[in-house]
């Protein structure tokens, strides 16, 4: 199945302004014509619990809008946090590079 995507960057540093901006970009992506919200972690070296909370909030909003949210380019430290919290079972993580608005091939679960 081919789906158009909207990519948003996860903040490199997590101060209040960065989290607010992440939520704004997420809302734009969720309400766009894209079928999938893709959260890019390419510049993220570490994710704290406030970052995880921000991600969960965006996940809930995207689910309410019936848009899958995928994570890409996560490093081992972020993956470990997701595993320790059990969130790797909630989030779908992809390894491939996908550009914004590029069709994305995903298998249905």
C-alpha atoms as a PDB file:
ATOM      1  CA  UNK A   1       0.000   0.000   0.000  1.00  0.00           C
ATOM      2  CA  UNK A   2       1.422   3.423  -0.950  1.00  0.00           C
ATOM      3  CA  UNK A   3       0.806   6.334   1.405  1.00  0.00           C
ATOM      4  CA  UNK A   4       1.947   9.937   1.356  1.00  0.00           C
ATOM      5  CA  UNK A   5       3.851  11.078   4.425  1.00  0.00           C
ATOM      6  CA  UNK A   6       4.489  14.259   6.367  1.00  0.00           C
ATOM      7  CA  UNK A   7       7.825  14.272   8.190  1.00  0.00           C
ATOM      8  CA  UNK A   8       8.453  16.159  11.419  1.00  0.00           C
ATOM      9  CA  UNK A   9      11.762  16.380  13.257  1.00  0.00           C
ATOM     10  CA  UNK A  10      11.930  15.321  16.864  1.00  0.00           C
ATOM     11  CA  UNK A  11      13.710  18.095  18.842  1.00  0.00           C
ATOM     12  CA  UNK A  12      17.432  17.701  19.378  1.00  0.00           C
ATOM     13  CA  UNK A  13      17.142  19.429  22.767  1.00  0.00           C
ATOM     14  CA  UNK A  14      14.015  19.299  24.861  1.00  0.00           C
ATOM     15  CA  UNK A  15      13.284  22.654  26.403  1.00  0.00           C
ATOM     16  CA  UNK A  16       9.736  23.994  26.644  1.00  0.00           C
ATOM     17  CA  UNK A  17      10.041  25.939  23.389  1.00  0.00           C
ATOM     18  CA  UNK A  18      11.288  22.908  21.447  1.00  0.00           C
ATOM     19  CA  UNK A  19       8.499  20.697  22.768  1.00  0.00           C
ATOM     20  CA  UNK A  20       5.890  23.355  21.925  1.00  0.00           C
ATOM     21  CA  UNK A  21       7.294  23.644  18.404  1.00  0.00           C
ATOM     22  CA  UNK A  22       7.263  19.842  18.027  1.00  0.00           C
ATOM     23  CA  UNK A  23       3.577  19.792  19.020  1.00  0.00           C
ATOM     24  CA  UNK A  24       2.801  22.583  16.515  1.00  0.00           C
ATOM     25  CA  UNK A  25       4.555  20.731  13.679  1.00  0.00           C
ATOM     26  CA  UNK A  26       2.801  17.524  14.677  1.00  0.00           C
ATOM     27  CA  UNK A  27      -0.616  19.202  14.577  1.00  0.00           C
ATOM     28  CA  UNK A  28       0.135  20.543  11.083  1.00  0.00           C
ATOM     29  CA  UNK A  29       1.190  17.068   9.947  1.00  0.00           C
ATOM     30  CA  UNK A  30      -1.837  15.393  11.511  1.00  0.00           C
ATOM     31  CA  UNK A  31      -4.228  17.845   9.854  1.00  0.00           C
ATOM     32  CA  UNK A  32      -2.470  17.763   6.476  1.00  0.00           C
ATOM     33  CA  UNK A  33      -3.521  15.635   3.514  1.00  0.00           C
ATOM     34  CA  UNK A  34      -0.717  13.155   4.260  1.00  0.00           C
ATOM     35  CA  UNK A  35      -1.818   9.688   5.276  1.00  0.00           C
ATOM     36  CA  UNK A  36       1.161   8.997   7.577  1.00  0.00           C
ATOM     37  CA  UNK A  37       3.000  11.085  10.169  1.00  0.00           C
ATOM     38  CA  UNK A  38       6.711  10.279  10.195  1.00  0.00           C
ATOM     39  CA  UNK A  39       8.787  11.424  13.187  1.00  0.00           C
ATOM     40  CA  UNK A  40      12.477  11.695  12.314  1.00  0.00           C
ATOM     41  CA  UNK A  41      15.032  11.162  15.102  1.00  0.00           C
ATOM     42  CA  UNK A  42      18.113  11.702  12.913  1.00  0.00           C
ATOM     43  CA  UNK A  43      19.484  14.538  15.087  1.00  0.00           C
ATOM     44  CA  UNK A  44      18.458  13.095  18.466  1.00  0.00           C
ATOM     45  CA  UNK A  45      21.131  11.527  20.641  1.00  0.00           C
ATOM     46  CA  UNK A  46      19.118  11.181  23.861  1.00  0.00           C
ATOM     47  CA  UNK A  47      15.439  11.268  24.757  1.00  0.00           C
ATOM     48  CA  UNK A  48      14.303  12.092  28.290  1.00  0.00           C
ATOM     49  CA  UNK A  49      10.983  11.259  29.934  1.00  0.00           C
ATOM     50  CA  UNK A  50       9.479  14.667  28.909  1.00  0.00           C
ATOM     51  CA  UNK A  51      10.450  13.800  25.336  1.00  0.00           C
ATOM     52  CA  UNK A  52       8.764  10.437  25.630  1.00  0.00           C
ATOM     53  CA  UNK A  53       5.649  12.138  27.008  1.00  0.00           C
ATOM     54  CA  UNK A  54       5.637  14.578  24.054  1.00  0.00           C
ATOM     55  CA  UNK A  55       5.904  11.638  21.675  1.00  0.00           C
ATOM     56  CA  UNK A  56       3.040   9.782  23.374  1.00  0.00           C
ATOM     57  CA  UNK A  57       0.807  12.864  23.162  1.00  0.00           C
ATOM     58  CA  UNK A  58       1.479  13.206  19.426  1.00  0.00           C
ATOM     59  CA  UNK A  59       0.896   9.472  18.981  1.00  0.00           C
ATOM     60  CA  UNK A  60      -2.525   9.767  20.649  1.00  0.00           C
ATOM     61  CA  UNK A  61      -3.458  12.744  18.468  1.00  0.00           C
ATOM     62  CA  UNK A  62      -2.409  10.980  15.285  1.00  0.00           C
ATOM     63  CA  UNK A  63      -4.325   7.855  16.296  1.00  0.00           C
ATOM     64  CA  UNK A  64      -7.445   9.969  16.960  1.00  0.00           C
ATOM     65  CA  UNK A  65      -7.067  11.337  13.425  1.00  0.00           C
ATOM     66  CA  UNK A  66      -6.689   7.788  12.047  1.00  0.00           C
ATOM     67  CA  UNK A  67      -3.176   8.493  10.799  1.00  0.00           C
ATOM     68  CA  UNK A  68      -0.375   6.071  11.551  1.00  0.00           C
ATOM     69  CA  UNK A  69       2.680   7.592  13.219  1.00  0.00           C
ATOM     70  CA  UNK A  70       6.011   6.016  12.402  1.00  0.00           C
ATOM     71  CA  UNK A  71       9.430   6.670  13.939  1.00  0.00           C
ATOM     72  CA  UNK A  72      12.619   6.575  11.916  1.00  0.00           C
ATOM     73  CA  UNK A  73      16.349   6.991  12.431  1.00  0.00           C
ATOM     74  CA  UNK A  74      16.328   6.194  16.122  1.00  0.00           C
ATOM     75  CA  UNK A  75      19.666   5.383  17.726  1.00  0.00           C
ATOM     76  CA  UNK A  76      20.424   2.663  20.270  1.00  0.00           C
ATOM     77  CA  UNK A  77      19.953   4.975  23.300  1.00  0.00           C
ATOM     78  CA  UNK A  78      16.471   5.988  22.167  1.00  0.00           C
ATOM     79  CA  UNK A  79      15.643   2.392  21.238  1.00  0.00           C
ATOM     80  CA  UNK A  80      16.727   1.269  24.717  1.00  0.00           C
ATOM     81  CA  UNK A  81      14.404   3.816  26.365  1.00  0.00           C
ATOM     82  CA  UNK A  82      11.524   2.616  24.199  1.00  0.00           C
ATOM     83  CA  UNK A  83      12.296  -0.998  25.106  1.00  0.00           C
ATOM     84  CA  UNK A  84      12.618  -0.279  28.840  1.00  0.00           C
ATOM     85  CA  UNK A  85       9.262   1.499  28.884  1.00  0.00           C
ATOM     86  CA  UNK A  86       7.535  -1.049  26.653  1.00  0.00           C
ATOM     87  CA  UNK A  87       6.861   1.634  24.051  1.00  0.00           C
ATOM     88  CA  UNK A  88       8.618  -0.289  21.257  1.00  0.00           C
ATOM     89  CA  UNK A  89       5.401  -2.344  21.219  1.00  0.00           C
ATOM     90  CA  UNK A  90       3.331   0.824  20.712  1.00  0.00           C
ATOM     91  CA  UNK A  91       5.381   2.737  18.149  1.00  0.00           C
ATOM     92  CA  UNK A  92       6.176   1.450  14.696  1.00  0.00           C
ATOM     93  CA  UNK A  93       9.847   2.005  13.939  1.00  0.00           C
ATOM     94  CA  UNK A  94      11.208   2.037  10.406  1.00  0.00           C
ATOM     95  CA  UNK A  95      14.842   2.047   9.402  1.00  0.00           C
ATOM     96  CA  UNK A  96      14.612   3.292   5.828  1.00  0.00           C
ATOM     97  CA  UNK A  97      15.036   6.863   4.686  1.00  0.00           C
ATOM     98  CA  UNK A  98      11.828   8.434   3.427  1.00  0.00           C
ATOM     99  CA  UNK A  99      11.474  12.000   2.159  1.00  0.00           C
ATOM    100  CA  UNK A 100       8.457  14.159   2.979  1.00  0.00           C
ATOM    101  CA  UNK A 101       5.520  13.552   0.663  1.00  0.00           C
ATOM    102  CA  UNK A 102       7.305  10.545  -0.835  1.00  0.00           C
ATOM    103  CA  UNK A 103       5.051   7.503  -1.077  1.00  0.00           C
ATOM    104  CA  UNK A 104       5.694   5.088   1.766  1.00  0.00           C
ATOM    105  CA  UNK A 105       5.162   1.375   1.449  1.00  0.00           C
ATOM    106  CA  UNK A 106       3.942  -0.179   4.683  1.00  0.00           C
ATOM    107  CA  UNK A 107       2.522  -3.546   5.474  1.00  0.00           C
ATOM    108  CA  UNK A 108      -0.725  -3.618   7.348  1.00  0.00           C
ATOM    109  CA  UNK A 109      -0.545  -5.213  10.782  1.00  0.00           C
END
